Amino acid sequence: MLKETSGLLVVRACGGRDLTVVQRIGKQDPYLEFHLGDENQRTNTDNNGGQRPTWGQAVKFDLNNERELLVKCIDKNPVHDSHIGQTEILLDPVLKNHQYDGWFMIKNRDSPAGEIYLELTFYPSVRRA
């Protein structure tokens, strides 16, 4: 059982591959939204990133007993942003090992919609005696 679940969670969004095309004209402009508890953050948009975007950006969260990170991949449009796909990442491996990197499949409804590469790092809070 995991005891220490408060601290800093750093999520580095590296890139994506084989993203489902949701934009009819031109290349899509993907970005990621991260939802953890009541906190929401997002990456910058990779303009014309298409199916293989690169973000190279990190977001930080104060972690207080949350066990799941929701990640949404979205295409930025002038009128209405379009949902590409999403995934829920269980945080137990990163809490246990303090680091967890890899490709995560995103889905739109129940259909595969590509993969995103994330590097997750957990820095536990320091307890004072």
N, C-alpha and C. Protein backbone atom coordinates (compact mmCIF):
# COMPACT_ATOMS: atom_id res chain seq x y z
N MET A 1 0.84 -1.18 0.00
CA MET A 1 0.00 0.00 0.00
C MET A 1 0.88 1.24 0.00
N LEU A 2 0.48 2.23 -0.78
CA LEU A 2 1.23 3.48 -0.86
C LEU A 2 0.87 4.38 0.30
N LYS A 3 1.89 4.88 0.99
CA LYS A 3 1.65 5.73 2.15
C LYS A 3 1.75 7.20 1.79
N GLU A 4 2.81 7.60 1.10
CA GLU A 4 3.08 9.00 0.81
C GLU A 4 2.43 9.38 -0.53
N THR A 5 1.36 10.15 -0.49
CA THR A 5 0.68 10.53 -1.72
C THR A 5 0.54 12.03 -1.88
N SER A 6 1.28 12.80 -1.08
CA SER A 6 1.25 14.24 -1.30
C SER A 6 2.64 14.69 -1.73
N GLY A 7 2.65 15.68 -2.59
CA GLY A 7 3.91 16.19 -3.11
C GLY A 7 3.67 16.90 -4.42
N LEU A 8 4.69 16.94 -5.24
CA LEU A 8 4.64 17.63 -6.53
C LEU A 8 4.68 16.60 -7.65
N LEU A 9 3.72 16.70 -8.56
CA LEU A 9 3.69 15.85 -9.75
C LEU A 9 4.05 16.72 -10.95
N VAL A 10 5.11 16.34 -11.65
CA VAL A 10 5.52 17.05 -12.86
C VAL A 10 5.23 16.14 -14.05
N VAL A 11 4.48 16.66 -15.01
CA VAL A 11 4.12 15.90 -16.21
C VAL A 11 4.72 16.62 -17.41
N ARG A 12 5.64 15.95 -18.08
CA ARG A 12 6.24 16.53 -19.29
C ARG A 12 5.56 15.89 -20.50
N ALA A 13 4.92 16.73 -21.29
CA ALA A 13 4.27 16.29 -22.52
C ALA A 13 5.29 16.37 -23.65
N CYS A 14 5.71 15.23 -24.15
CA CYS A 14 6.76 15.21 -25.18
C CYS A 14 6.18 15.31 -26.58
N GLY A 15 5.26 14.41 -26.92
CA GLY A 15 4.70 14.43 -28.26
C GLY A 15 3.62 13.39 -28.44
N GLY A 16 3.14 13.30 -29.66
CA GLY A 16 2.09 12.34 -29.99
C GLY A 16 2.40 11.66 -31.32
N ARG A 17 1.69 10.57 -31.57
CA ARG A 17 1.84 9.88 -32.86
C ARG A 17 0.52 9.24 -33.24
N ASP A 18 0.30 9.19 -34.54
CA ASP A 18 -0.88 8.54 -35.12
C ASP A 18 -2.19 9.10 -34.57
N LEU A 19 -2.24 10.42 -34.30
CA LEU A 19 -3.47 11.01 -33.80
C LEU A 19 -4.54 10.99 -34.89
N THR A 20 -5.76 10.68 -34.49
CA THR A 20 -6.88 10.71 -35.41
C THR A 20 -7.06 12.12 -35.96
N VAL A 21 -7.28 12.21 -37.26
CA VAL A 21 -7.49 13.51 -37.90
C VAL A 21 -8.94 13.93 -37.68
N VAL A 22 -9.12 15.09 -37.04
CA VAL A 22 -10.47 15.61 -36.79
C VAL A 22 -10.71 16.93 -37.53
N GLN A 23 -9.67 17.45 -38.17
CA GLN A 23 -9.78 18.72 -38.89
C GLN A 23 -9.90 18.43 -40.38
N ARG A 24 -10.90 19.01 -41.03
CA ARG A 24 -11.16 18.70 -42.44
C ARG A 24 -10.22 19.41 -43.40
N ILE A 25 -9.84 20.65 -43.10
CA ILE A 25 -8.99 21.43 -44.00
C ILE A 25 -7.70 21.80 -43.28
N GLY A 26 -6.56 21.54 -43.91
CA GLY A 26 -5.27 21.86 -43.30
C GLY A 26 -4.89 20.85 -42.24
N LYS A 27 -3.76 21.13 -41.57
CA LYS A 27 -3.29 20.25 -40.50
C LYS A 27 -3.88 20.69 -39.17
N GLN A 28 -4.18 19.71 -38.33
CA GLN A 28 -4.73 20.04 -37.01
C GLN A 28 -3.67 20.62 -36.10
N ASP A 29 -4.13 21.32 -35.08
CA ASP A 29 -3.28 22.05 -34.14
C ASP A 29 -3.51 21.52 -32.73
N PRO A 30 -2.88 20.38 -32.36
CA PRO A 30 -3.19 19.72 -31.09
C PRO A 30 -2.57 20.40 -29.86
N TYR A 31 -3.29 20.27 -28.76
CA TYR A 31 -2.77 20.62 -27.44
C TYR A 31 -3.32 19.60 -26.45
N LEU A 32 -2.71 19.54 -25.26
CA LEU A 32 -3.17 18.63 -24.22
C LEU A 32 -3.73 19.41 -23.05
N GLU A 33 -4.81 18.88 -22.48
CA GLU A 33 -5.37 19.39 -21.22
C GLU A 33 -5.17 18.31 -20.17
N PHE A 34 -4.75 18.74 -18.97
CA PHE A 34 -4.54 17.83 -17.85
C PHE A 34 -5.50 18.20 -16.74
N HIS A 35 -6.17 17.20 -16.18
CA HIS A 35 -7.13 17.41 -15.09
C HIS A 35 -6.75 16.50 -13.93
N LEU A 36 -6.45 17.12 -12.78
CA LEU A 36 -6.11 16.37 -11.57
C LEU A 36 -6.85 17.00 -10.41
N GLY A 37 -7.82 16.27 -9.85
CA GLY A 37 -8.65 16.86 -8.79
C GLY A 37 -9.35 18.08 -9.33
N ASP A 38 -9.22 19.21 -8.64
CA ASP A 38 -9.84 20.46 -9.08
C ASP A 38 -8.92 21.32 -9.95
N GLU A 39 -7.72 20.84 -10.21
CA GLU A 39 -6.74 21.61 -10.98
C GLU A 39 -6.75 21.20 -12.45
N ASN A 40 -6.68 22.20 -13.33
CA ASN A 40 -6.61 21.97 -14.77
C ASN A 40 -5.45 22.77 -15.35
N GLN A 41 -4.70 22.14 -16.24
CA GLN A 41 -3.61 22.83 -16.93
C GLN A 41 -3.57 22.32 -18.36
N ARG A 42 -2.84 23.06 -19.21
CA ARG A 42 -2.73 22.65 -20.61
C ARG A 42 -1.38 23.03 -21.18
N THR A 43 -1.05 22.36 -22.27
CA THR A 43 0.17 22.70 -23.00
C THR A 43 -0.14 23.82 -23.98
N ASN A 44 0.91 24.33 -24.58
CA ASN A 44 0.73 25.22 -25.71
C ASN A 44 0.23 24.40 -26.89
N THR A 45 -0.35 25.06 -27.86
CA THR A 45 -0.81 24.41 -29.08
C THR A 45 0.37 24.19 -30.01
N ASP A 46 0.46 22.99 -30.61
CA ASP A 46 1.45 22.75 -31.65
C ASP A 46 0.79 23.06 -32.99
N ASN A 47 0.96 24.30 -33.44
CA ASN A 47 0.33 24.72 -34.70
C ASN A 47 0.84 23.87 -35.86
N ASN A 48 -0.10 23.31 -36.60
CA ASN A 48 0.17 22.41 -37.73
C ASN A 48 0.92 21.16 -37.28
N GLY A 49 0.75 20.76 -36.04
CA GLY A 49 1.38 19.54 -35.53
C GLY A 49 0.83 18.28 -36.15
N GLY A 50 -0.38 18.36 -36.70
CA GLY A 50 -0.98 17.23 -37.41
C GLY A 50 -1.13 16.00 -36.54
N GLN A 51 -0.71 14.87 -37.10
CA GLN A 51 -0.84 13.59 -36.40
C GLN A 51 0.36 13.28 -35.52
N ARG A 52 1.45 14.09 -35.63
CA ARG A 52 2.67 13.84 -34.86
C ARG A 52 3.12 15.13 -34.18
N PRO A 53 2.33 15.64 -33.24
CA PRO A 53 2.70 16.90 -32.58
C PRO A 53 3.86 16.72 -31.62
N THR A 54 4.56 17.82 -31.35
CA THR A 54 5.57 17.84 -30.30
C THR A 54 5.26 19.04 -29.41
N TRP A 55 5.31 18.80 -28.10
CA TRP A 55 5.03 19.88 -27.15
C TRP A 55 6.27 20.25 -26.36
N GLY A 56 6.99 19.28 -25.83
CA GLY A 56 8.20 19.57 -25.06
C GLY A 56 7.95 20.53 -23.92
N GLN A 57 6.84 20.34 -23.24
CA GLN A 57 6.43 21.27 -22.19
C GLN A 57 6.02 20.49 -20.94
N ALA A 58 6.34 21.06 -19.77
CA ALA A 58 5.98 20.42 -18.50
C ALA A 58 4.93 21.24 -17.77
N VAL A 59 4.03 20.53 -17.08
CA VAL A 59 3.06 21.16 -16.19
C VAL A 59 3.26 20.55 -14.81
N LYS A 60 2.91 21.31 -13.77
CA LYS A 60 3.12 20.86 -12.39
C LYS A 60 1.82 20.90 -11.62
N PHE A 61 1.64 19.90 -10.76
CA PHE A 61 0.46 19.81 -9.92
C PHE A 61 0.88 19.54 -8.48
N ASP A 62 0.19 20.16 -7.53
CA ASP A 62 0.30 19.76 -6.13
C ASP A 62 -0.57 18.53 -5.97
N LEU A 63 0.03 17.44 -5.54
CA LEU A 63 -0.67 16.17 -5.42
C LEU A 63 -1.07 15.95 -3.97
N ASN A 64 -2.37 15.70 -3.76
CA ASN A 64 -2.90 15.46 -2.41
C ASN A 64 -3.87 14.29 -2.46
N ASN A 65 -3.34 13.09 -2.51
CA ASN A 65 -4.12 11.86 -2.48
C ASN A 65 -4.86 11.54 -3.78
N GLU A 66 -4.70 12.33 -4.85
CA GLU A 66 -5.33 11.98 -6.12
C GLU A 66 -4.63 10.75 -6.70
N ARG A 67 -5.38 9.90 -7.37
CA ARG A 67 -4.82 8.65 -7.91
C ARG A 67 -4.94 8.55 -9.43
N GLU A 68 -5.64 9.51 -10.08
CA GLU A 68 -5.83 9.45 -11.53
C GLU A 68 -5.61 10.81 -12.15
N LEU A 69 -4.96 10.81 -13.30
CA LEU A 69 -4.75 12.01 -14.09
C LEU A 69 -5.51 11.84 -15.39
N LEU A 70 -6.42 12.76 -15.69
CA LEU A 70 -7.16 12.74 -16.95
C LEU A 70 -6.42 13.63 -17.94
N VAL A 71 -6.12 13.08 -19.12
CA VAL A 71 -5.43 13.83 -20.16
C VAL A 71 -6.31 13.83 -21.41
N LYS A 72 -6.59 15.03 -21.92
CA LYS A 72 -7.38 15.17 -23.14
C LYS A 72 -6.52 15.78 -24.23
N CYS A 73 -6.62 15.24 -25.43
CA CYS A 73 -5.93 15.78 -26.60
C CYS A 73 -6.99 16.48 -27.45
N ILE A 74 -6.73 17.75 -27.76
CA ILE A 74 -7.73 18.59 -28.41
C ILE A 74 -7.11 19.32 -29.59
N ASP A 75 -7.90 19.49 -30.65
CA ASP A 75 -7.48 20.26 -31.82
C ASP A 75 -8.00 21.68 -31.69
N LYS A 76 -7.09 22.65 -31.69
CA LYS A 76 -7.45 24.07 -31.56
C LYS A 76 -8.00 24.57 -32.89
N ASN A 77 -9.18 25.16 -32.83
CA ASN A 77 -9.82 25.75 -34.01
C ASN A 77 -10.30 27.15 -33.68
N PRO A 78 -10.36 28.04 -34.68
CA PRO A 78 -10.81 29.41 -34.41
C PRO A 78 -12.24 29.48 -33.86
N VAL A 79 -13.13 28.62 -34.34
CA VAL A 79 -14.53 28.68 -33.92
C VAL A 79 -14.83 27.73 -32.77
N HIS A 80 -14.45 26.46 -32.92
CA HIS A 80 -14.80 25.43 -31.94
C HIS A 80 -13.69 24.39 -31.88
N ASP A 81 -13.08 24.20 -30.71
CA ASP A 81 -12.05 23.17 -30.56
C ASP A 81 -12.68 21.78 -30.68
N SER A 82 -11.92 20.83 -31.24
CA SER A 82 -12.43 19.47 -31.47
C SER A 82 -11.67 18.46 -30.62
N HIS A 83 -12.41 17.57 -29.99
CA HIS A 83 -11.85 16.51 -29.15
C HIS A 83 -11.22 15.45 -30.05
N ILE A 84 -9.94 15.15 -29.81
CA ILE A 84 -9.27 14.08 -30.54
C ILE A 84 -9.39 12.78 -29.76
N GLY A 85 -9.05 12.82 -28.47
CA GLY A 85 -9.13 11.62 -27.64
C GLY A 85 -8.66 11.94 -26.23
N GLN A 86 -8.76 10.94 -25.36
CA GLN A 86 -8.36 11.14 -23.96
C GLN A 86 -7.95 9.82 -23.33
N THR A 87 -7.29 9.94 -22.18
CA THR A 87 -6.90 8.77 -21.41
C THR A 87 -6.90 9.13 -19.93
N GLU A 88 -7.12 8.14 -19.10
CA GLU A 88 -7.00 8.30 -17.65
C GLU A 88 -5.78 7.48 -17.21
N ILE A 89 -4.86 8.15 -16.54
CA ILE A 89 -3.62 7.51 -16.12
C ILE A 89 -3.66 7.27 -14.62
N LEU A 90 -3.55 6.01 -14.21
CA LEU A 90 -3.45 5.68 -12.79
C LEU A 90 -2.07 6.09 -12.31
N LEU A 91 -2.01 6.79 -11.19
CA LEU A 91 -0.76 7.35 -10.71
C LEU A 91 0.03 6.42 -9.79
N ASP A 92 -0.50 5.26 -9.46
CA ASP A 92 0.20 4.35 -8.55
C ASP A 92 1.64 4.04 -8.98
N PRO A 93 1.92 3.75 -10.28
CA PRO A 93 3.32 3.48 -10.65
C PRO A 93 4.26 4.66 -10.42
N VAL A 94 3.81 5.87 -10.70
CA VAL A 94 4.68 7.04 -10.49
C VAL A 94 4.82 7.35 -9.00
N LEU A 95 3.79 7.09 -8.21
CA LEU A 95 3.89 7.30 -6.76
C LEU A 95 4.87 6.30 -6.14
N LYS A 96 4.86 5.08 -6.64
CA LYS A 96 5.72 4.03 -6.10
C LYS A 96 7.18 4.22 -6.52
N ASN A 97 7.40 4.51 -7.81
CA ASN A 97 8.76 4.56 -8.36
C ASN A 97 9.30 5.98 -8.54
N HIS A 98 8.46 6.96 -8.29
CA HIS A 98 8.79 8.39 -8.43
C HIS A 98 9.01 8.82 -9.87
N GLN A 99 8.91 7.89 -10.82
CA GLN A 99 9.04 8.24 -12.23
C GLN A 99 8.32 7.19 -13.06
N TYR A 100 7.68 7.66 -14.14
CA TYR A 100 6.97 6.74 -15.02
C TYR A 100 6.86 7.42 -16.38
N ASP A 101 7.50 6.86 -17.38
CA ASP A 101 7.50 7.42 -18.72
C ASP A 101 6.92 6.41 -19.69
N GLY A 102 6.29 6.90 -20.75
CA GLY A 102 5.83 5.98 -21.77
C GLY A 102 4.78 6.55 -22.69
N TRP A 103 4.44 5.72 -23.68
CA TRP A 103 3.37 6.05 -24.63
C TRP A 103 2.04 5.62 -24.01
N PHE A 104 1.08 6.52 -24.05
CA PHE A 104 -0.26 6.26 -23.52
C PHE A 104 -1.26 6.36 -24.66
N MET A 105 -2.04 5.29 -24.83
CA MET A 105 -3.06 5.31 -25.87
C MET A 105 -4.20 6.24 -25.46
N ILE A 106 -4.63 7.07 -26.41
CA ILE A 106 -5.82 7.88 -26.17
C ILE A 106 -6.96 7.29 -26.99
N LYS A 107 -8.16 7.48 -26.50
CA LYS A 107 -9.34 6.95 -27.19
C LYS A 107 -10.39 8.03 -27.33
N ASN A 108 -11.17 7.92 -28.39
CA ASN A 108 -12.35 8.76 -28.58
C ASN A 108 -13.53 7.81 -28.52
N ARG A 109 -14.30 7.95 -27.48
CA ARG A 109 -15.30 6.97 -27.09
C ARG A 109 -14.54 5.68 -26.82
N ASP A 110 -14.78 4.62 -27.56
CA ASP A 110 -14.02 3.39 -27.33
C ASP A 110 -13.04 3.07 -28.46
N SER A 111 -12.87 4.01 -29.38
CA SER A 111 -11.98 3.77 -30.52
C SER A 111 -10.60 4.39 -30.29
N PRO A 112 -9.53 3.67 -30.63
CA PRO A 112 -8.19 4.24 -30.51
C PRO A 112 -8.06 5.52 -31.33
N ALA A 113 -7.38 6.53 -30.75
CA ALA A 113 -7.24 7.83 -31.42
C ALA A 113 -5.79 8.29 -31.44
N GLY A 114 -4.85 7.36 -31.25
CA GLY A 114 -3.43 7.70 -31.27
C GLY A 114 -2.78 7.49 -29.92
N GLU A 115 -1.55 7.99 -29.80
CA GLU A 115 -0.78 7.85 -28.56
C GLU A 115 -0.08 9.15 -28.23
N ILE A 116 0.14 9.37 -26.93
CA ILE A 116 0.90 10.52 -26.47
C ILE A 116 2.02 10.02 -25.56
N TYR A 117 3.19 10.67 -25.66
CA TYR A 117 4.32 10.28 -24.83
C TYR A 117 4.45 11.28 -23.69
N LEU A 118 4.38 10.75 -22.46
CA LEU A 118 4.47 11.58 -21.26
C LEU A 118 5.56 11.07 -20.34
N GLU A 119 6.22 12.00 -19.66
CA GLU A 119 7.17 11.67 -18.60
C GLU A 119 6.60 12.22 -17.30
N LEU A 120 6.29 11.32 -16.37
CA LEU A 120 5.71 11.72 -15.09
C LEU A 120 6.74 11.54 -13.99
N THR A 121 6.91 12.56 -13.17
CA THR A 121 7.85 12.51 -12.05
C THR A 121 7.15 12.99 -10.79
N PHE A 122 7.34 12.25 -9.69
CA PHE A 122 6.71 12.59 -8.42
C PHE A 122 7.78 12.94 -7.40
N TYR A 123 7.62 14.10 -6.77
CA TYR A 123 8.51 14.55 -5.70
C TYR A 123 7.70 14.57 -4.40
N PRO A 124 7.88 13.58 -3.51
CA PRO A 124 7.08 13.53 -2.28
C PRO A 124 7.35 14.73 -1.39
N SER A 125 6.33 15.10 -0.63
CA SER A 125 6.49 16.17 0.37
C SER A 125 7.46 15.71 1.44
N VAL A 126 8.23 16.64 1.97
CA VAL A 126 9.17 16.33 3.04
C VAL A 126 8.43 16.44 4.36
N ARG A 127 8.50 15.38 5.14
CA ARG A 127 7.85 15.39 6.47
C ARG A 127 8.83 15.90 7.49
N ARG A 128 8.37 16.79 8.32
CA ARG A 128 9.22 17.34 9.39
C ARG A 128 8.80 16.72 10.72
N ALA A 129 9.80 16.38 11.53
CA ALA A 129 9.52 15.74 12.82
C ALA A 129 9.19 16.77 13.87
